[in-house]
PDB file of N, CA and C in Angstrom:
ATOM      1  N   ARG A   1      27.740  54.854-148.396  1.00  0.00           N
ATOM      2  CA  ARG A   1      29.000  54.116-148.435  1.00  0.00           C
ATOM      3  C   ARG A   1      28.820  52.733-147.842  1.00  0.00           C
ATOM      4  N   ASP A   2      29.384  51.775-148.508  1.00  0.00           N
ATOM      5  CA  ASP A   2      29.307  50.400-148.036  1.00  0.00           C
ATOM      6  C   ASP A   2      30.610  50.029-147.341  1.00  0.00           C
ATOM      7  N   THR A   3      30.526  49.834-146.028  1.00  0.00           N
ATOM      8  CA  THR A   3      31.731  49.467-145.279  1.00  0.00           C
ATOM      9  C   THR A   3      32.014  47.975-145.364  1.00  0.00           C
ATOM     10  N   ASN A   4      31.007  47.186-145.714  1.00  0.00           N
ATOM     11  CA  ASN A   4      31.160  45.743-145.882  1.00  0.00           C
ATOM     12  C   ASN A   4      31.821  45.101-144.662  1.00  0.00           C
ATOM     13  N   ARG A   5      31.257  45.386-143.505  1.00  0.00           N
ATOM     14  CA  ARG A   5      31.781  44.816-142.265  1.00  0.00           C
ATOM     15  C   ARG A   5      30.659  44.673-141.258  1.00  0.00           C
ATOM     16  N   THR A   6      30.885  43.843-140.278  1.00  0.00           N
ATOM     17  CA  THR A   6      29.917  43.591-139.223  1.00  0.00           C
ATOM     18  C   THR A   6      30.592  43.805-137.886  1.00  0.00           C
ATOM     19  N   VAL A   7      29.882  44.405-136.958  1.00  0.00           N
ATOM     20  CA  VAL A   7      30.383  44.569-135.594  1.00  0.00           C
ATOM     21  C   VAL A   7      29.603  43.614-134.705  1.00  0.00           C
ATOM     22  N   VAL A   8      30.322  42.829-133.932  1.00  0.00           N
ATOM     23  CA  VAL A   8      29.707  41.879-133.010  1.00  0.00           C
ATOM     24  C   VAL A   8      30.133  42.268-131.602  1.00  0.00           C
ATOM     25  N   THR A   9      29.165  42.387-130.708  1.00  0.00           N
ATOM     26  CA  THR A   9      29.451  42.726-129.313  1.00  0.00           C
ATOM     27  C   THR A   9      28.870  41.643-128.422  1.00  0.00           C
ATOM     28  N   PHE A  10      29.660  41.179-127.486  1.00  0.00           N
ATOM     29  CA  PHE A  10      29.148  40.239-126.498  1.00  0.00           C
ATOM     30  C   PHE A  10      29.810  40.517-125.162  1.00  0.00           C
ATOM     31  N   VAL A  11      29.132  40.114-124.098  1.00  0.00           N
ATOM     32  CA  VAL A  11      29.574  40.389-122.731  1.00  0.00           C
ATOM     33  C   VAL A  11      29.574  39.079-121.961  1.00  0.00           C
ATOM     34  N   GLY A  12      30.549  38.926-121.073  1.00  0.00           N
ATOM     35  CA  GLY A  12      30.586  37.718-120.256  1.00  0.00           C
ATOM     36  C   GLY A  12      31.802  37.694-119.363  1.00  0.00           C
ATOM     37  N   GLU A  13      32.018  36.569-118.731  1.00  0.00           N
ATOM     38  CA  GLU A  13      33.208  36.380-117.906  1.00  0.00           C
ATOM     39  C   GLU A  13      34.429  36.377-118.828  1.00  0.00           C
ATOM     40  N   PRO A  14      35.557  36.886-118.352  1.00  0.00           N
ATOM     41  CA  PRO A  14      36.731  37.051-119.221  1.00  0.00           C
ATOM     42  C   PRO A  14      37.145  35.810-120.016  1.00  0.00           C
ATOM     43  N   ASP A  15      37.248  34.664-119.375  1.00  0.00           N
ATOM     44  CA  ASP A  15      37.674  33.468-120.113  1.00  0.00           C
ATOM     45  C   ASP A  15      36.665  33.076-121.185  1.00  0.00           C
ATOM     46  N   ALA A  16      35.386  33.231-120.900  1.00  0.00           N
ATOM     47  CA  ALA A  16      34.348  32.916-121.880  1.00  0.00           C
ATOM     48  C   ALA A  16      34.388  33.902-123.046  1.00  0.00           C
ATOM     49  N   VAL A  17      34.648  35.166-122.757  1.00  0.00           N
ATOM     50  CA  VAL A  17      34.756  36.180-123.810  1.00  0.00           C
ATOM     51  C   VAL A  17      35.946  35.867-124.710  1.00  0.00           C
ATOM     52  N   VAL A  18      37.074  35.525-124.122  1.00  0.00           N
ATOM     53  CA  VAL A  18      38.264  35.187-124.913  1.00  0.00           C
ATOM     54  C   VAL A  18      37.981  33.976-125.805  1.00  0.00           C
ATOM     55  N   GLU A  19      37.342  32.966-125.265  1.00  0.00           N
ATOM     56  CA  GLU A  19      37.028  31.770-126.058  1.00  0.00           C
ATOM     57  C   GLU A  19      36.060  32.104-127.190  1.00  0.00           C
ATOM     58  N   ALA A  20      35.027  32.871-126.903  1.00  0.00           N
ATOM     59  CA  ALA A  20      34.062  33.250-127.940  1.00  0.00           C
ATOM     60  C   ALA A  20      34.730  34.093-129.024  1.00  0.00           C
ATOM     61  N   ALA A  21      35.579  35.014-128.613  1.00  0.00           N
ATOM     62  CA  ALA A  21      36.291  35.850-129.582  1.00  0.00           C
ATOM     63  C   ALA A  21      37.197  34.989-130.460  1.00  0.00           C
ATOM     64  N   PHE A  22      37.915  34.059-129.854  1.00  0.00           N
ATOM     65  CA  PHE A  22      38.790  33.171-130.620  1.00  0.00           C
ATOM     66  C   PHE A  22      37.982  32.398-131.659  1.00  0.00           C
ATOM     67  N   ARG A  23      36.861  31.850-131.247  1.00  0.00           N
ATOM     68  CA  ARG A  23      36.030  31.077-132.178  1.00  0.00           C
ATOM     69  C   ARG A  23      35.488  31.953-133.304  1.00  0.00           C
ATOM     70  N   GLY A  24      35.137  33.202-132.976  1.00  0.00           N
ATOM     71  CA  GLY A  24      34.668  34.129-134.004  1.00  0.00           C
ATOM     72  C   GLY A  24      35.755  34.463-135.010  1.00  0.00           C
ATOM     73  N   VAL A  25      36.962  34.709-134.525  1.00  0.00           N
ATOM     74  CA  VAL A  25      38.096  34.997-135.410  1.00  0.00           C
ATOM     75  C   VAL A  25      38.377  33.788-136.301  1.00  0.00           C
ATOM     76  N   LYS A  26      38.356  32.616-135.710  1.00  0.00           N
ATOM     77  CA  LYS A  26      38.607  31.392-136.479  1.00  0.00           C
ATOM     78  C   LYS A  26      37.569  31.228-137.586  1.00  0.00           C
ATOM     79  N   LYS A  27      36.305  31.396-137.249  1.00  0.00           N
ATOM     80  CA  LYS A  27      35.235  31.235-138.245  1.00  0.00           C
ATOM     81  C   LYS A  27      35.347  32.296-139.337  1.00  0.00           C
ATOM     82  N   ALA A  28      35.629  33.527-138.963  1.00  0.00           N
ATOM     83  CA  ALA A  28      35.794  34.589-139.969  1.00  0.00           C
ATOM     84  C   ALA A  28      36.929  34.247-140.927  1.00  0.00           C
ATOM     85  N   SER A  29      38.023  33.713-140.395  1.00  0.00           N
ATOM     86  CA  SER A  29      39.165  33.367-141.252  1.00  0.00           C
ATOM     87  C   SER A  29      38.818  32.240-142.225  1.00  0.00           C
ATOM     88  N   GLU A  30      37.878  31.406-141.849  1.00  0.00           N
ATOM     89  CA  GLU A  30      37.449  30.301-142.715  1.00  0.00           C
ATOM     90  C   GLU A  30      36.465  30.766-143.794  1.00  0.00           C
ATOM     91  N   LEU A  31      35.670  31.781-143.484  1.00  0.00           N
ATOM     92  CA  LEU A  31      34.580  32.181-144.374  1.00  0.00           C
ATOM     93  C   LEU A  31      34.868  33.384-145.263  1.00  0.00           C
ATOM     94  N   ILE A  32      35.769  34.258-144.847  1.00  0.00           N
ATOM     95  CA  ILE A  32      35.978  35.518-145.569  1.00  0.00           C
ATOM     96  C   ILE A  32      37.273  35.462-146.368  1.00  0.00           C
ATOM     97  N   ASP A  33      37.150  35.617-147.680  1.00  0.00           N
ATOM     98  CA  ASP A  33      38.304  35.651-148.578  1.00  0.00           C
ATOM     99  C   ASP A  33      38.686  37.110-148.790  1.00  0.00           C
ATOM    100  N   MET A  34      39.756  37.530-148.135  1.00  0.00           N
ATOM    101  CA  MET A  34      40.146  38.943-148.206  1.00  0.00           C
ATOM    102  C   MET A  34      40.587  39.365-149.604  1.00  0.00           C
ATOM    103  N   SER A  35      40.995  38.443-150.446  1.00  0.00           N
ATOM    104  CA  SER A  35      41.387  38.817-151.807  1.00  0.00           C
ATOM    105  C   SER A  35      40.179  39.265-152.623  1.00  0.00           C
ATOM    106  N   LYS A  36      38.971  38.951-152.129  1.00  0.00           N
ATOM    107  CA  LYS A  36      37.742  39.356-152.814  1.00  0.00           C
ATOM    108  C   LYS A  36      36.951  40.383-152.016  1.00  0.00           C
ATOM    109  N   HIS A  37      37.493  40.815-150.902  1.00  0.00           N
ATOM    110  CA  HIS A  37      36.785  41.738-150.007  1.00  0.00           C
ATOM    111  C   HIS A  37      37.008  43.187-150.431  1.00  0.00           C
ATOM    112  N   HIS A  38      35.925  43.940-150.487  1.00  0.00           N
ATOM    113  CA  HIS A  38      36.009  45.370-150.790  1.00  0.00           C
ATOM    114  C   HIS A  38      35.087  46.115-149.843  1.00  0.00           C
ATOM    115  N   GLY A  39      35.514  47.286-149.422  1.00  0.00           N
ATOM    116  CA  GLY A  39      34.701  48.113-148.543  1.00  0.00           C
ATOM    117  C   GLY A  39      35.383  49.444-148.310  1.00  0.00           C
ATOM    118  N   GLU A  40      34.619  50.414-147.880  1.00  0.00           N
ATOM    119  CA  GLU A  40      35.140  51.763-147.673  1.00  0.00           C
ATOM    120  C   GLU A  40      35.980  51.903-146.410  1.00  0.00           C
ATOM    121  N   HIS A  41      35.720  51.078-145.433  1.00  0.00           N
ATOM    122  CA  HIS A  41      36.385  51.225-144.133  1.00  0.00           C
ATOM    123  C   HIS A  41      37.762  50.565-144.156  1.00  0.00           C
ATOM    124  N   PRO A  42      38.788  51.214-143.572  1.00  0.00           N
ATOM    125  CA  PRO A  42      40.114  50.586-143.500  1.00  0.00           C
ATOM    126  C   PRO A  42      40.032  49.242-142.779  1.00  0.00           C
ATOM    127  N   ARG A  43      40.789  48.264-143.294  1.00  0.00           N
ATOM    128  CA  ARG A  43      40.772  46.947-142.669  1.00  0.00           C
ATOM    129  C   ARG A  43      42.065  46.213-142.972  1.00  0.00           C
ATOM    130  N   MET A  44      42.399  45.268-142.086  1.00  0.00           N
ATOM    131  CA  MET A  44      43.633  44.496-142.210  1.00  0.00           C
ATOM    132  C   MET A  44      43.387  43.022-142.495  1.00  0.00           C
ATOM    133  N   GLY A  45      42.227  42.521-142.166  1.00  0.00           N
ATOM    134  CA  GLY A  45      41.968  41.104-142.365  1.00  0.00           C
ATOM    135  C   GLY A  45      40.511  40.774-142.133  1.00  0.00           C
ATOM    136  N   ALA A  46      40.190  39.492-142.184  1.00  0.00           N
ATOM    137  CA  ALA A  46      38.807  39.053-141.983  1.00  0.00           C
ATOM    138  C   ALA A  46      38.281  39.521-140.627  1.00  0.00           C
ATOM    139  N   THR A  47      39.134  39.499-139.619  1.00  0.00           N
ATOM    140  CA  THR A  47      38.829  40.142-138.339  1.00  0.00           C
ATOM    141  C   THR A  47      39.767  41.329-138.255  1.00  0.00           C
ATOM    142  N   ASP A  48      39.224  42.502-138.416  1.00  0.00           N
ATOM    143  CA  ASP A  48      40.058  43.705-138.446  1.00  0.00           C
ATOM    144  C   ASP A  48      40.518  44.078-137.046  1.00  0.00           C
ATOM    145  N   VAL A  49      39.599  44.152-136.124  1.00  0.00           N
ATOM    146  CA  VAL A  49      39.925  44.455-134.727  1.00  0.00           C
ATOM    147  C   VAL A  49      39.094  43.549-133.825  1.00  0.00           C
ATOM    148  N   CYS A  50      39.632  43.307-132.648  1.00  0.00           N
ATOM    149  CA  CYS A  50      38.907  42.500-131.666  1.00  0.00           C
ATOM    150  C   CYS A  50      39.196  43.094-130.286  1.00  0.00           C
ATOM    151  N   PRO A  51      38.639  44.282-130.029  1.00  0.00           N
ATOM    152  CA  PRO A  51      38.932  44.934-128.752  1.00  0.00           C
ATOM    153  C   PRO A  51      38.212  44.269-127.585  1.00  0.00           C
ATOM    154  N   LEU A  52      38.914  44.126-126.492  1.00  0.00           N
ATOM    155  CA  LEU A  52      38.300  43.675-125.246  1.00  0.00           C
ATOM    156  C   LEU A  52      38.162  44.906-124.364  1.00  0.00           C
ATOM    157  N   VAL A  53      36.954  45.163-123.901  1.00  0.00           N
ATOM    158  CA  VAL A  53      36.650  46.376-123.143  1.00  0.00           C
ATOM    159  C   VAL A  53      36.124  45.987-121.766  1.00  0.00           C
ATOM    160  N   PRO A  54      36.763  46.482-120.703  1.00  0.00           N
ATOM    161  CA  PRO A  54      36.261  46.154-119.365  1.00  0.00           C
ATOM    162  C   PRO A  54      34.917  46.829-119.120  1.00  0.00           C
ATOM    163  N   VAL A  55      33.964  46.060-118.616  1.00  0.00           N
ATOM    164  CA  VAL A  55      32.639  46.606-118.349  1.00  0.00           C
ATOM    165  C   VAL A  55      32.396  46.716-116.854  1.00  0.00           C
ATOM    166  N   SER A  56      32.621  45.629-116.134  1.00  0.00           N
ATOM    167  CA  SER A  56      32.329  45.620-114.705  1.00  0.00           C
ATOM    168  C   SER A  56      33.168  44.553-114.010  1.00  0.00           C
ATOM    169  N   GLY A  57      33.741  44.910-112.874  1.00  0.00           N
ATOM    170  CA  GLY A  57      34.462  43.938-112.071  1.00  0.00           C
ATOM    171  C   GLY A  57      35.831  43.559-112.590  1.00  0.00           C
ATOM    172  N   ILE A  58      36.368  44.337-113.518  1.00  0.00           N
ATOM    173  CA  ILE A  58      37.691  44.063-114.077  1.00  0.00           C
ATOM    174  C   ILE A  58      38.329  45.385-114.484  1.00  0.00           C
ATOM    175  N   THR A  59      39.617  45.501-114.282  1.00  0.00           N
ATOM    176  CA  THR A  59      40.326  46.733-114.638  1.00  0.00           C
ATOM    177  C   THR A  59      40.842  46.645-116.071  1.00  0.00           C
ATOM    178  N   MET A  60      41.245  47.781-116.603  1.00  0.00           N
ATOM    179  CA  MET A  60      41.849  47.793-117.932  1.00  0.00           C
ATOM    180  C   MET A  60      43.141  46.980-117.926  1.00  0.00           C
ATOM    181  N   GLU A  61      43.906  47.088-116.870  1.00  0.00           N
ATOM    182  CA  GLU A  61      45.161  46.337-116.789  1.00  0.00           C
ATOM    183  C   GLU A  61      44.898  44.828-116.842  1.00  0.00           C
ATOM    184  N   GLU A  62      43.870  44.387-116.150  1.00  0.00           N
ATOM    185  CA  GLU A  62      43.507  42.964-116.188  1.00  0.00           C
ATOM    186  C   GLU A  62      42.993  42.572-117.574  1.00  0.00           C
ATOM    187  N   THR A  63      42.261  43.468-118.192  1.00  0.00           N
ATOM    188  CA  THR A  63      41.722  43.212-119.526  1.00  0.00           C
ATOM    189  C   THR A  63      42.845  43.057-120.541  1.00  0.00           C
ATOM    190  N   VAL A  64      43.896  43.852-120.397  1.00  0.00           N
ATOM    191  CA  VAL A  64      45.051  43.766-121.295  1.00  0.00           C
ATOM    192  C   VAL A  64      45.656  42.362-121.259  1.00  0.00           C
ATOM    193  N   VAL A  65      45.727  41.765-120.089  1.00  0.00           N
ATOM    194  CA  VAL A  65      46.262  40.400-119.967  1.00  0.00           C
ATOM    195  C   VAL A  65      45.423  39.436-120.812  1.00  0.00           C
ATOM    196  N   TYR A  66      44.115  39.571-120.745  1.00  0.00           N
ATOM    197  CA  TYR A  66      43.228  38.712-121.541  1.00  0.00           C
ATOM    198  C   TYR A  66      43.367  39.010-123.035  1.00  0.00           C
ATOM    199  N   ALA A  67      43.492  40.279-123.394  1.00  0.00           N
ATOM    200  CA  ALA A  67      43.649  40.651-124.804  1.00  0.00           C
ATOM    201  C   ALA A  67      44.917  40.034-125.380  1.00  0.00           C
ATOM    202  N   ARG A  68      45.987  40.090-124.628  1.00  0.00           N
ATOM    203  CA  ARG A  68      47.248  39.513-125.104  1.00  0.00           C
ATOM    204  C   ARG A  68      47.182  37.986-125.150  1.00  0.00           C
ATOM    205  N   LYS A  69      46.465  37.393-124.229  1.00  0.00           N
ATOM    206  CA  LYS A  69      46.264  35.938-124.236  1.00  0.00           C
ATOM    207  C   LYS A  69      45.517  35.535-125.510  1.00  0.00           C
ATOM    208  N   LEU A  70      44.481  36.288-125.847  1.00  0.00           N
ATOM    209  CA  LEU A  70      43.724  36.034-127.069  1.00  0.00           C
ATOM    210  C   LEU A  70      44.608  36.235-128.299  1.00  0.00           C
ATOM    211  N   ALA A  71      45.356  37.314-128.325  1.00  0.00           N
ATOM    212  CA  ALA A  71      46.235  37.610-129.459  1.00  0.00           C
ATOM    213  C   ALA A  71      47.253  36.492-129.674  1.00  0.00           C
ATOM    214  N   LYS A  72      47.837  36.025-128.593  1.00  0.00           N
ATOM    215  CA  LYS A  72      48.833  34.941-128.673  1.00  0.00           C
ATOM    216  C   LYS A  72      48.195  33.673-129.242  1.00  0.00           C
ATOM    217  N   ARG A  73      47.032  33.356-128.783  1.00  0.00           N
ATOM    218  CA  ARG A  73      46.343  32.147-129.253  1.00  0.00           C
ATOM    219  C   ARG A  73      45.995  32.251-130.741  1.00  0.00           C
ATOM    220  N   ILE A  74      45.519  33.414-131.165  1.00  0.00           N
ATOM    221  CA  ILE A  74      45.202  33.623-132.585  1.00  0.00           C
ATOM    222  C   ILE A  74      46.459  33.452-133.426  1.00  0.00           C
ATOM    223  N   GLY A  75      47.546  34.057-132.976  1.00  0.00           N
ATOM    224  CA  GLY A  75      48.802  33.955-133.715  1.00  0.00           C
ATOM    225  C   GLY A  75      49.334  32.540-133.790  1.00  0.00           C
ATOM    226  N   GLU A  76      49.308  31.847-132.659  1.00  0.00           N
ATOM    227  CA  GLU A  76      49.889  30.505-132.602  1.00  0.00           C
ATOM    228  C   GLU A  76      48.995  29.429-133.210  1.00  0.00           C
ATOM    229  N   GLU A  77      47.722  29.437-132.869  1.00  0.00           N
ATOM    230  CA  GLU A  77      46.840  28.355-133.316  1.00  0.00           C
ATOM    231  C   GLU A  77      46.265  28.571-134.713  1.00  0.00           C
ATOM    232  N   LEU A  78      46.085  29.820-135.104  1.00  0.00           N
ATOM    233  CA  LEU A  78      45.487  30.106-136.409  1.00  0.00           C
ATOM    234  C   LEU A  78      46.506  30.623-137.417  1.00  0.00           C
ATOM    235  N   SER A  79      47.723  30.870-136.960  1.00  0.00           N
ATOM    236  CA  SER A  79      48.782  31.419-137.822  1.00  0.00           C
ATOM    237  C   SER A  79      48.344  32.705-138.512  1.00  0.00           C
ATOM    238  N   ILE A  80      47.694  33.557-137.739  1.00  0.00           N
ATOM    239  CA  ILE A  80      47.269  34.868-138.224  1.00  0.00           C
ATOM    240  C   ILE A  80      48.155  35.907-137.551  1.00  0.00           C
ATOM    241  N   PRO A  81      48.750  36.822-138.327  1.00  0.00           N
ATOM    242  CA  PRO A  81      49.560  37.867-137.699  1.00  0.00           C
ATOM    243  C   PRO A  81      48.680  38.797-136.868  1.00  0.00           C
ATOM    244  N   VAL A  82      49.148  39.128-135.667  1.00  0.00           N
ATOM    245  CA  VAL A  82      48.370  39.954-134.744  1.00  0.00           C
ATOM    246  C   VAL A  82      49.211  41.121-134.256  1.00  0.00           C
ATOM    247  N   TYR A  83      48.624  42.316-134.322  1.00  0.00           N
ATOM    248  CA  TYR A  83      49.218  43.519-133.742  1.00  0.00           C
ATOM    249  C   TYR A  83      48.362  43.940-132.558  1.00  0.00           C
ATOM    250  N   CYS A  84      48.961  44.020-131.392  1.00  0.00           N
ATOM    251  CA  CYS A  84      48.248  44.523-130.214  1.00  0.00           C
ATOM    252  C   CYS A  84      48.295  46.046-130.253  1.00  0.00           C
ATOM    253  N   TYR A  85      47.169  46.693-129.994  1.00  0.00           N
ATOM    254  CA  TYR A  85      47.101  48.149-130.087  1.00  0.00           C
ATOM    255  C   TYR A  85      46.452  48.730-128.838  1.00  0.00           C
ATOM    256  N   GLU A  86      46.389  50.061-128.806  1.00  0.00           N
ATOM    257  CA  GLU A  86      45.848  50.816-127.667  1.00  0.00           C
ATOM    258  C   GLU A  86      46.479  50.331-126.363  1.00  0.00           C
ATOM    259  N   ASN A  87      45.700  50.034-125.357  1.00  0.00           N
ATOM    260  CA  ASN A  87      46.255  49.665-124.050  1.00  0.00           C
ATOM    261  C   ASN A  87      47.044  48.364-124.082  1.00  0.00           C
ATOM    262  N   ALA A  88      46.757  47.484-125.011  1.00  0.00           N
ATOM    263  CA  ALA A  88      47.455  46.197-125.092  1.00  0.00           C
ATOM    264  C   ALA A  88      48.755  46.273-125.891  1.00  0.00           C
ATOM    265  N   ALA A  89      49.052  47.425-126.483  1.00  0.00           N
ATOM    266  CA  ALA A  89      50.251  47.568-127.314  1.00  0.00           C
ATOM    267  C   ALA A  89      51.519  47.293-126.512  1.00  0.00           C
ATOM    268  N   PHE A  90      52.463  46.633-127.156  1.00  0.00           N
ATOM    269  CA  PHE A  90      53.773  46.384-126.551  1.00  0.00           C
ATOM    270  C   PHE A  90      54.731  47.540-126.829  1.00  0.00           C
ATOM    271  N   GLU A  91      54.442  48.315-127.888  1.00  0.00           N
ATOM    272  CA  GLU A  91      55.280  49.444-128.277  1.00  0.00           C
ATOM    273  C   GLU A  91      54.404  50.684-128.436  1.00  0.00           C
ATOM    274  N   GLU A  92      54.945  51.820-128.079  1.00  0.00           N
ATOM    275  CA  GLU A  92      54.196  53.077-128.158  1.00  0.00           C
ATOM    276  C   GLU A  92      53.688  53.341-129.577  1.00  0.00           C
ATOM    277  N   LYS A  93      54.509  53.052-130.590  1.00  0.00           N
ATOM    278  CA  LYS A  93      54.113  53.345-131.979  1.00  0.00           C
ATOM    279  C   LYS A  93      52.918  52.509-132.438  1.00  0.00           C
ATOM    280  N   ARG A  94      52.605  51.468-131.687  1.00  0.00           N
ATOM    281  CA  ARG A  94      51.480  50.610-132.062  1.00  0.00           C
ATOM    282  C   ARG A  94      50.227  50.892-131.249  1.00  0.00           C
ATOM    283  N   ARG A  95      50.272  51.877-130.404  1.00  0.00           N
ATOM    284  CA  ARG A  95      49.080  52.208-129.615  1.00  0.00           C
ATOM    285  C   ARG A  95      47.943  52.691-130.517  1.00  0.00           C
ATOM    286  N   ASN A  96      48.289  53.449-131.545  1.00  0.00           N
ATOM    287  CA  ASN A  96      47.294  54.039-132.427  1.00  0.00           C
ATOM    288  C   ASN A  96      46.845  53.024-133.483  1.00  0.00           C
ATOM    289  N   LEU A  97      45.561  52.739-133.512  1.00  0.00           N
ATOM    290  CA  LEU A  97      45.030  51.755-134.452  1.00  0.00           C
ATOM    291  C   LEU A  97      45.302  52.148-135.902  1.00  0.00           C
ATOM    292  N   ALA A  98      45.204  53.422-136.219  1.00  0.00           N
ATOM    293  CA  ALA A  98      45.436  53.866-137.596  1.00  0.00           C
ATOM    294  C   ALA A  98      46.855  53.528-138.050  1.00  0.00           C
ATOM    295  N   ALA A  99      47.819  53.630-137.153  1.00  0.00           N
ATOM    296  CA  ALA A  99      49.205  53.282-137.497  1.00  0.00           C
ATOM    297  C   ALA A  99      49.314  51.789-137.796  1.00  0.00           C
ATOM    298  N   CYS A 100      48.625  50.989-137.015  1.00  0.00           N
ATOM    299  CA  CYS A 100      48.650  49.536-137.248  1.00  0.00           C
ATOM    300  C   CYS A 100      47.963  49.173-138.558  1.00  0.00           C
ATOM    301  N   ARG A 101      46.917  49.887-138.906  1.00  0.00           N
ATOM    302  CA  ARG A 101      46.151  49.598-140.125  1.00  0.00           C
ATOM    303  C   ARG A 101      46.788  50.180-141.385  1.00  0.00           C
ATOM    304  N   ALA A 102      47.751  51.045-141.247  1.00  0.00           N
ATOM    305  CA  ALA A 102      48.343  51.722-142.408  1.00  0.00           C
ATOM    306  C   ALA A 102      48.755  50.696-143.465  1.00  0.00           C
ATOM    307  N   GLY A 103      48.369  50.950-144.697  1.00  0.00           N
ATOM    308  CA  GLY A 103      48.642  50.028-145.791  1.00  0.00           C
ATOM    309  C   GLY A 103      47.509  49.045-146.030  1.00  0.00           C
ATOM    310  N   GLU A 104      46.677  48.884-145.031  1.00  0.00           N
ATOM    311  CA  GLU A 104      45.520  47.988-145.076  1.00  0.00           C
ATOM    312  C   GLU A 104      45.892  46.584-145.555  1.00  0.00           C
ATOM    313  N   TYR A 105      44.900  45.807-145.912  1.00  0.00           N
ATOM    314  CA  TYR A 105      45.137  44.418-146.296  1.00  0.00           C
ATOM    315  C   TYR A 105      46.055  44.333-147.516  1.00  0.00           C
ATOM    316  N   GLU A 106      45.833  45.215-148.475  1.00  0.00           N
ATOM    317  CA  GLU A 106      46.616  45.163-149.709  1.00  0.00           C
ATOM    318  C   GLU A 106      48.107  45.408-149.456  1.00  0.00           C
ATOM    319  N   GLY A 107      48.442  46.149-148.415  1.00  0.00           N
ATOM    320  CA  GLY A 107      49.840  46.432-148.094  1.00  0.00           C
ATOM    321  C   GLY A 107      50.406  45.547-146.999  1.00  0.00           C
ATOM    322  N   LEU A 108      49.649  44.558-146.578  1.00  0.00           N
ATOM    323  CA  LEU A 108      50.065  43.730-145.441  1.00  0.00           C
ATOM    324  C   LEU A 108      51.337  42.936-145.729  1.00  0.00           C
ATOM    325  N   ARG A 109      51.473  42.393-146.906  1.00  0.00           N
ATOM    326  CA  ARG A 109      52.674  41.614-147.239  1.00  0.00           C
ATOM    327  C   ARG A 109      53.931  42.476-147.080  1.00  0.00           C
ATOM    328  N   LYS A 110      53.866  43.704-147.569  1.00  0.00           N
ATOM    329  CA  LYS A 110      55.007  44.621-147.449  1.00  0.00           C
ATOM    330  C   LYS A 110      55.263  44.956-145.977  1.00  0.00           C
ATOM    331  N   LYS A 111      54.201  45.202-145.233  1.00  0.00           N
ATOM    332  CA  LYS A 111      54.336  45.531-143.812  1.00  0.00           C
ATOM    333  C   LYS A 111      54.985  44.372-143.054  1.00  0.00           C
ATOM    334  N   LEU A 112      54.550  43.155-143.336  1.00  0.00           N
ATOM    335  CA  LEU A 112      55.085  41.987-142.648  1.00  0.00           C
ATOM    336  C   LEU A 112      56.562  41.759-142.967  1.00  0.00           C
ATOM    337  N   ALA A 113      57.011  42.233-144.115  1.00  0.00           N
ATOM    338  CA  ALA A 113      58.417  42.083-144.504  1.00  0.00           C
ATOM    339  C   ALA A 113      59.318  43.099-143.811  1.00  0.00           C
ATOM    340  N   ASP A 114      58.730  44.136-143.228  1.00  0.00           N
ATOM    341  CA  ASP A 114      59.488  45.190-142.545  1.00  0.00           C
ATOM    342  C   ASP A 114      59.733  44.771-141.094  1.00  0.00           C
ATOM    343  N   PRO A 115      60.996  44.619-140.677  1.00  0.00           N
ATOM    344  CA  PRO A 115      61.283  44.211-139.291  1.00  0.00           C
ATOM    345  C   PRO A 115      60.657  45.129-138.241  1.00  0.00           C
ATOM    346  N   GLU A 116      60.442  46.390-138.585  1.00  0.00           N
ATOM    347  CA  GLU A 116      59.813  47.334-137.656  1.00  0.00           C
ATOM    348  C   GLU A 116      58.357  46.960-137.378  1.00  0.00           C
ATOM    349  N   TRP A 117      57.756  46.208-138.285  1.00  0.00           N
ATOM    350  CA  TRP A 117      56.347  45.851-138.151  1.00  0.00           C
ATOM    351  C   TRP A 117      56.133  44.349-138.021  1.00  0.00           C
ATOM    352  N   LYS A 118      57.124  43.662-137.452  1.00  0.00           N
ATOM    353  CA  LYS A 118      56.937  42.242-137.147  1.00  0.00           C
ATOM    354  C   LYS A 118      55.731  42.138-136.212  1.00  0.00           C
ATOM    355  N   PRO A 119      54.792  41.242-136.503  1.00  0.00           N
ATOM    356  CA  PRO A 119      53.613  41.122-135.638  1.00  0.00           C
ATOM    357  C   PRO A 119      53.990  40.759-134.199  1.00  0.00           C
ATOM    358  N   ASP A 120      53.134  41.147-133.279  1.00  0.00           N
ATOM    359  CA  ASP A 120      53.348  40.791-131.875  1.00  0.00           C
ATOM    360  C   ASP A 120      53.191  39.287-131.679  1.00  0.00           C
ATOM    361  N   PHE A 121      52.302  38.693-132.445  1.00  0.00           N
ATOM    362  CA  PHE A 121      52.073  37.252-132.395  1.00  0.00           C
ATOM    363  C   PHE A 121      51.793  36.761-133.803  1.00  0.00           C
ATOM    364  N   GLY A 122      52.075  35.497-134.049  1.00  0.00           N
ATOM    365  CA  GLY A 122      51.801  34.907-135.350  1.00  0.00           C
ATOM    366  C   GLY A 122      52.965  35.046-136.300  1.00  0.00           C
ATOM    367  N   PRO A 123      52.733  34.581-137.518  1.00  0.00           N
ATOM    368  CA  PRO A 123      53.825  34.570-138.514  1.00  0.00           C
ATOM    369  C   PRO A 123      54.242  35.967-138.944  1.00  0.00           C
TER     370      PRO A 123
END
């Protein structure tokens, strides 16, 4: 099965990680045309997920603050709709990634039109 996706992992100080993640999301949005993207794995966009995981010297609660900071920046500066999930979720129904991905990219327009699924950040 061809998932047609890449996983990138990097480690660093929180602000540097947020900046690197933002730049990666921006570049992916410039290079990947989702209308031509096909793959077996569920996905919502050029950057499907961007989890921030605490490794050392930071708590999950602190990491959530950085995740939301990144999400806000992606939404505002790149005009990409963002759903915060798992520990960063603002609503219980959005904690589960599968619920956020439901409908995938092809169903995103319909999802965005539903007030129940207004993105946490972005248009």
